[in-house]
């Protein structure tokens, strides 16, 4: 998950400083979708971990 987050932050930072001002809404949208995707990945990882836990 960390590489996904780092890659997303690099892309968003690049877009903020290199895009036209008219595209800032898309940068914000990309940030929101990145957050949702990373959160979903974290929840899925935690769910899989809890289901594979054994009590032997």
PDB file of N, CA and C in Angstrom:
ATOM      1  N   UNK A   1       0.819  -1.198   0.000  1.00  0.00           N
ATOM      2  CA  UNK A   1       0.000   0.000   0.000  1.00  0.00           C
ATOM      3  C   UNK A   1       0.862   1.262   0.000  1.00  0.00           C
ATOM      4  N   UNK A   2       2.010   1.189   0.620  1.00  0.00           N
ATOM      5  CA  UNK A   2       2.882   2.372   0.661  1.00  0.00           C
ATOM      6  C   UNK A   2       3.332   2.791  -0.742  1.00  0.00           C
ATOM      7  N   UNK A   3       3.779   1.851  -1.599  1.00  0.00           N
ATOM      8  CA  UNK A   3       4.147   2.283  -2.963  1.00  0.00           C
ATOM      9  C   UNK A   3       2.985   2.927  -3.717  1.00  0.00           C
ATOM     10  N   UNK A   4       1.763   2.433  -3.513  1.00  0.00           N
ATOM     11  CA  UNK A   4       0.602   3.060  -4.157  1.00  0.00           C
ATOM     12  C   UNK A   4       0.433   4.491  -3.677  1.00  0.00           C
ATOM     13  N   UNK A   5       0.577   4.697  -2.385  1.00  0.00           N
ATOM     14  CA  UNK A   5       0.410   6.028  -1.816  1.00  0.00           C
ATOM     15  C   UNK A   5       1.505   6.978  -2.305  1.00  0.00           C
ATOM     16  N   UNK A   6       2.734   6.516  -2.327  1.00  0.00           N
ATOM     17  CA  UNK A   6       3.845   7.363  -2.776  1.00  0.00           C
ATOM     18  C   UNK A   6       3.672   7.733  -4.243  1.00  0.00           C
ATOM     19  N   UNK A   7       3.307   6.750  -5.060  1.00  0.00           N
ATOM     20  CA  UNK A   7       3.098   7.022  -6.478  1.00  0.00           C
ATOM     21  C   UNK A   7       1.966   8.011  -6.697  1.00  0.00           C
ATOM     22  N   UNK A   8       0.902   7.864  -5.934  1.00  0.00           N
ATOM     23  CA  UNK A   8      -0.228   8.778  -6.066  1.00  0.00           C
ATOM     24  C   UNK A   8       0.160  10.191  -5.650  1.00  0.00           C
ATOM     25  N   UNK A   9       0.901  10.318  -4.565  1.00  0.00           N
ATOM     26  CA  UNK A   9       1.306  11.645  -4.104  1.00  0.00           C
ATOM     27  C   UNK A   9       2.231  12.321  -5.119  1.00  0.00           C
ATOM     28  N   UNK A  10       3.124  11.544  -5.720  1.00  0.00           N
ATOM     29  CA  UNK A  10       4.004  12.112  -6.753  1.00  0.00           C
ATOM     30  C   UNK A  10       3.189  12.588  -7.950  1.00  0.00           C
ATOM     31  N   UNK A  11       2.229  11.774  -8.377  1.00  0.00           N
ATOM     32  CA  UNK A  11       1.405  12.152  -9.530  1.00  0.00           C
ATOM     33  C   UNK A  11       0.569  13.392  -9.229  1.00  0.00           C
ATOM     34  N   UNK A  12      -0.024  13.443  -8.058  1.00  0.00           N
ATOM     35  CA  UNK A  12      -0.864  14.591  -7.712  1.00  0.00           C
ATOM     36  C   UNK A  12      -0.020  15.857  -7.599  1.00  0.00           C
ATOM     37  N   UNK A  13       1.153  15.745  -6.976  1.00  0.00           N
ATOM     38  CA  UNK A  13       2.038  16.906  -6.849  1.00  0.00           C
ATOM     39  C   UNK A  13       2.465  17.409  -8.225  1.00  0.00           C
ATOM     40  N   UNK A  14       2.810  16.486  -9.105  1.00  0.00           N
ATOM     41  CA  UNK A  14       3.213  16.866 -10.463  1.00  0.00           C
ATOM     42  C   UNK A  14       2.060  17.562 -11.171  1.00  0.00           C
ATOM     43  N   UNK A  15       0.842  17.032 -11.039  1.00  0.00           N
ATOM     44  CA  UNK A  15      -0.311  17.633 -11.694  1.00  0.00           C
ATOM     45  C   UNK A  15      -0.598  19.030 -11.165  1.00  0.00           C
ATOM     46  N   UNK A  16      -0.430  19.226  -9.877  1.00  0.00           N
ATOM     47  CA  UNK A  16      -0.726  20.544  -9.293  1.00  0.00           C
ATOM     48  C   UNK A  16       0.197  21.608  -9.880  1.00  0.00           C
ATOM     49  N   UNK A  17       1.466  21.291 -10.038  1.00  0.00           N
ATOM     50  CA  UNK A  17       2.421  22.294 -10.492  1.00  0.00           C
ATOM     51  C   UNK A  17       2.583  22.358 -12.004  1.00  0.00           C
ATOM     52  N   UNK A  18       2.077  21.370 -12.741  1.00  0.00           N
ATOM     53  CA  UNK A  18       2.314  21.350 -14.180  1.00  0.00           C
ATOM     54  C   UNK A  18       1.045  21.543 -15.010  1.00  0.00           C
ATOM     55  N   UNK A  19      -0.127  21.407 -14.434  1.00  0.00           N
ATOM     56  CA  UNK A  19      -1.371  21.519 -15.197  1.00  0.00           C
ATOM     57  C   UNK A  19      -1.886  22.946 -15.231  1.00  0.00           C
ATOM     58  N   UNK A  20      -2.800  23.172 -16.153  1.00  0.00           N
ATOM     59  CA  UNK A  20      -3.473  24.458 -16.225  1.00  0.00           C
ATOM     60  C   UNK A  20      -4.433  24.578 -15.044  1.00  0.00           C
ATOM     61  N   UNK A  21      -4.740  25.792 -14.684  1.00  0.00           N
ATOM     62  CA  UNK A  21      -5.628  26.015 -13.540  1.00  0.00           C
ATOM     63  C   UNK A  21      -7.018  25.428 -13.761  1.00  0.00           C
ATOM     64  N   UNK A  22      -7.427  25.306 -15.000  1.00  0.00           N
ATOM     65  CA  UNK A  22      -8.751  24.760 -15.305  1.00  0.00           C
ATOM     66  C   UNK A  22      -8.852  23.283 -14.947  1.00  0.00           C
ATOM     67  N   UNK A  23      -7.723  22.610 -14.783  1.00  0.00           N
ATOM     68  CA  UNK A  23      -7.717  21.173 -14.502  1.00  0.00           C
ATOM     69  C   UNK A  23      -7.569  20.841 -13.024  1.00  0.00           C
ATOM     70  N   UNK A  24      -7.566  21.837 -12.152  1.00  0.00           N
ATOM     71  CA  UNK A  24      -7.391  21.564 -10.724  1.00  0.00           C
ATOM     72  C   UNK A  24      -8.510  20.705 -10.151  1.00  0.00           C
ATOM     73  N   UNK A  25      -9.696  20.802 -10.707  1.00  0.00           N
ATOM     74  CA  UNK A  25     -10.796  19.955 -10.258  1.00  0.00           C
ATOM     75  C   UNK A  25     -10.501  18.481 -10.503  1.00  0.00           C
ATOM     76  N   UNK A  26      -9.852  18.189 -11.630  1.00  0.00           N
ATOM     77  CA  UNK A  26      -9.489  16.803 -11.920  1.00  0.00           C
ATOM     78  C   UNK A  26      -8.406  16.299 -10.968  1.00  0.00           C
ATOM     79  N   UNK A  27      -7.500  17.175 -10.586  1.00  0.00           N
ATOM     80  CA  UNK A  27      -6.460  16.785  -9.630  1.00  0.00           C
ATOM     81  C   UNK A  27      -7.091  16.436  -8.287  1.00  0.00           C
ATOM     82  N   UNK A  28      -8.059  17.243  -7.870  1.00  0.00           N
ATOM     83  CA  UNK A  28      -8.775  16.962  -6.624  1.00  0.00           C
ATOM     84  C   UNK A  28      -9.532  15.651  -6.725  1.00  0.00           C
ATOM     85  N   UNK A  29     -10.175  15.421  -7.852  1.00  0.00           N
ATOM     86  CA  UNK A  29     -10.897  14.175  -8.074  1.00  0.00           C
ATOM     87  C   UNK A  29      -9.952  12.979  -8.040  1.00  0.00           C
ATOM     88  N   UNK A  30      -8.780  13.124  -8.641  1.00  0.00           N
ATOM     89  CA  UNK A  30      -7.787  12.050  -8.607  1.00  0.00           C
ATOM     90  C   UNK A  30      -7.361  11.771  -7.166  1.00  0.00           C
ATOM     91  N   UNK A  31      -7.176  12.808  -6.382  1.00  0.00           N
ATOM     92  CA  UNK A  31      -6.810  12.633  -4.984  1.00  0.00           C
ATOM     93  C   UNK A  31      -7.882  11.906  -4.194  1.00  0.00           C
ATOM     94  N   UNK A  32      -9.130  12.253  -4.448  1.00  0.00           N
ATOM     95  CA  UNK A  32     -10.245  11.596  -3.752  1.00  0.00           C
ATOM     96  C   UNK A  32     -10.306  10.125  -4.119  1.00  0.00           C
ATOM     97  N   UNK A  33     -10.201   9.822  -5.418  1.00  0.00           N
ATOM     98  CA  UNK A  33     -10.254   8.429  -5.847  1.00  0.00           C
ATOM     99  C   UNK A  33      -9.050   7.635  -5.337  1.00  0.00           C
ATOM    100  N   UNK A  34      -7.895   8.269  -5.252  1.00  0.00           N
ATOM    101  CA  UNK A  34      -6.722   7.611  -4.691  1.00  0.00           C
ATOM    102  C   UNK A  34      -6.954   7.270  -3.227  1.00  0.00           C
ATOM    103  N   UNK A  35      -7.522   8.199  -2.487  1.00  0.00           N
ATOM    104  CA  UNK A  35      -7.829   7.959  -1.079  1.00  0.00           C
ATOM    105  C   UNK A  35      -8.825   6.816  -0.925  1.00  0.00           C
ATOM    106  N   UNK A  36      -9.865   6.825  -1.732  1.00  0.00           N
ATOM    107  CA  UNK A  36     -10.868   5.755  -1.673  1.00  0.00           C
ATOM    108  C   UNK A  36     -10.245   4.411  -2.013  1.00  0.00           C
ATOM    109  N   UNK A  37      -9.428   4.376  -3.061  1.00  0.00           N
ATOM    110  CA  UNK A  37      -8.782   3.125  -3.457  1.00  0.00           C
ATOM    111  C   UNK A  37      -7.838   2.590  -2.393  1.00  0.00           C
ATOM    112  N   UNK A  38      -7.031   3.460  -1.813  1.00  0.00           N
ATOM    113  CA  UNK A  38      -6.106   3.024  -0.771  1.00  0.00           C
ATOM    114  C   UNK A  38      -6.846   2.596   0.491  1.00  0.00           C
ATOM    115  N   UNK A  39      -7.923   3.281   0.829  1.00  0.00           N
ATOM    116  CA  UNK A  39      -8.717   2.890   1.994  1.00  0.00           C
ATOM    117  C   UNK A  39      -9.370   1.533   1.774  1.00  0.00           C
ATOM    118  N   UNK A  40      -9.903   1.318   0.582  1.00  0.00           N
ATOM    119  CA  UNK A  40     -10.505   0.027   0.258  1.00  0.00           C
ATOM    120  C   UNK A  40      -9.471  -1.090   0.321  1.00  0.00           C
ATOM    121  N   UNK A  41      -8.273  -0.826  -0.176  1.00  0.00           N
ATOM    122  CA  UNK A  41      -7.198  -1.812  -0.121  1.00  0.00           C
ATOM    123  C   UNK A  41      -6.830  -2.135   1.324  1.00  0.00           C
ATOM    124  N   UNK A  42      -6.786  -1.124   2.185  1.00  0.00           N
ATOM    125  CA  UNK A  42      -6.466  -1.348   3.593  1.00  0.00           C
ATOM    126  C   UNK A  42      -7.552  -2.170   4.285  1.00  0.00           C
ATOM    127  N   UNK A  43      -8.811  -1.855   4.007  1.00  0.00           N
ATOM    128  CA  UNK A  43      -9.918  -2.607   4.609  1.00  0.00           C
ATOM    129  C   UNK A  43      -9.903  -4.049   4.131  1.00  0.00           C
ATOM    130  N   UNK A  44      -9.669  -4.267   2.842  1.00  0.00           N
ATOM    131  CA  UNK A  44      -9.618  -5.626   2.303  1.00  0.00           C
ATOM    132  C   UNK A  44      -8.462  -6.415   2.914  1.00  0.00           C
ATOM    133  N   UNK A  45      -7.313  -5.785   3.062  1.00  0.00           N
ATOM    134  CA  UNK A  45      -6.162  -6.462   3.667  1.00  0.00           C
ATOM    135  C   UNK A  45      -6.447  -6.851   5.109  1.00  0.00           C
ATOM    136  N   UNK A  46      -7.061  -5.956   5.851  1.00  0.00           N
ATOM    137  CA  UNK A  46      -7.382  -6.241   7.241  1.00  0.00           C
ATOM    138  C   UNK A  46      -8.421  -7.354   7.341  1.00  0.00           C
ATOM    139  N   UNK A  47      -9.418  -7.335   6.459  1.00  0.00           N
ATOM    140  CA  UNK A  47     -10.447  -8.374   6.458  1.00  0.00           C
ATOM    141  C   UNK A  47      -9.852  -9.739   6.148  1.00  0.00           C
ATOM    142  N   UNK A  48      -8.984  -9.807   5.162  1.00  0.00           N
ATOM    143  CA  UNK A  48      -8.325 -11.072   4.816  1.00  0.00           C
ATOM    144  C   UNK A  48      -7.465 -11.554   5.977  1.00  0.00           C
ATOM    145  N   UNK A  49      -6.754 -10.637   6.620  1.00  0.00           N
ATOM    146  CA  UNK A  49      -5.924 -11.008   7.766  1.00  0.00           C
ATOM    147  C   UNK A  49      -6.766 -11.585   8.894  1.00  0.00           C
ATOM    148  N   UNK A  50      -7.885 -10.961   9.195  1.00  0.00           N
ATOM    149  CA  UNK A  50      -8.735 -11.434  10.290  1.00  0.00           C
ATOM    150  C   UNK A  50      -9.366 -12.788   9.970  1.00  0.00           C
ATOM    151  N   UNK A  51      -9.677 -13.056   8.708  1.00  0.00           N
ATOM    152  CA  UNK A  51     -10.295 -14.321   8.342  1.00  0.00           C
ATOM    153  C   UNK A  51      -9.298 -15.471   8.322  1.00  0.00           C
ATOM    154  N   UNK A  52      -8.024 -15.186   8.137  1.00  0.00           N
ATOM    155  CA  UNK A  52      -7.013 -16.246   8.090  1.00  0.00           C
ATOM    156  C   UNK A  52      -6.382 -16.488   9.449  1.00  0.00           C
ATOM    157  N   UNK A  53      -6.763 -15.742  10.464  1.00  0.00           N
ATOM    158  CA  UNK A  53      -6.198 -15.911  11.800  1.00  0.00           C
ATOM    159  C   UNK A  53      -6.672 -17.234  12.397  1.00  0.00           C
ATOM    160  N   UNK A  54      -5.737 -17.994  12.940  1.00  0.00           N
ATOM    161  CA  UNK A  54      -6.095 -19.274  13.541  1.00  0.00           C
ATOM    162  C   UNK A  54      -5.838 -19.227  15.048  1.00  0.00           C
ATOM    163  N   UNK A  55      -6.540 -20.072  15.768  1.00  0.00           N
ATOM    164  CA  UNK A  55      -6.414 -20.110  17.223  1.00  0.00           C
ATOM    165  C   UNK A  55      -5.941 -21.495  17.657  1.00  0.00           C
ATOM    166  N   UNK A  56      -4.858 -21.961  17.087  1.00  0.00           N
ATOM    167  CA  UNK A  56      -4.333 -23.288  17.418  1.00  0.00           C
ATOM    168  C   UNK A  56      -3.373 -23.224  18.587  1.00  0.00           C
TER     169      UNK A  56
END
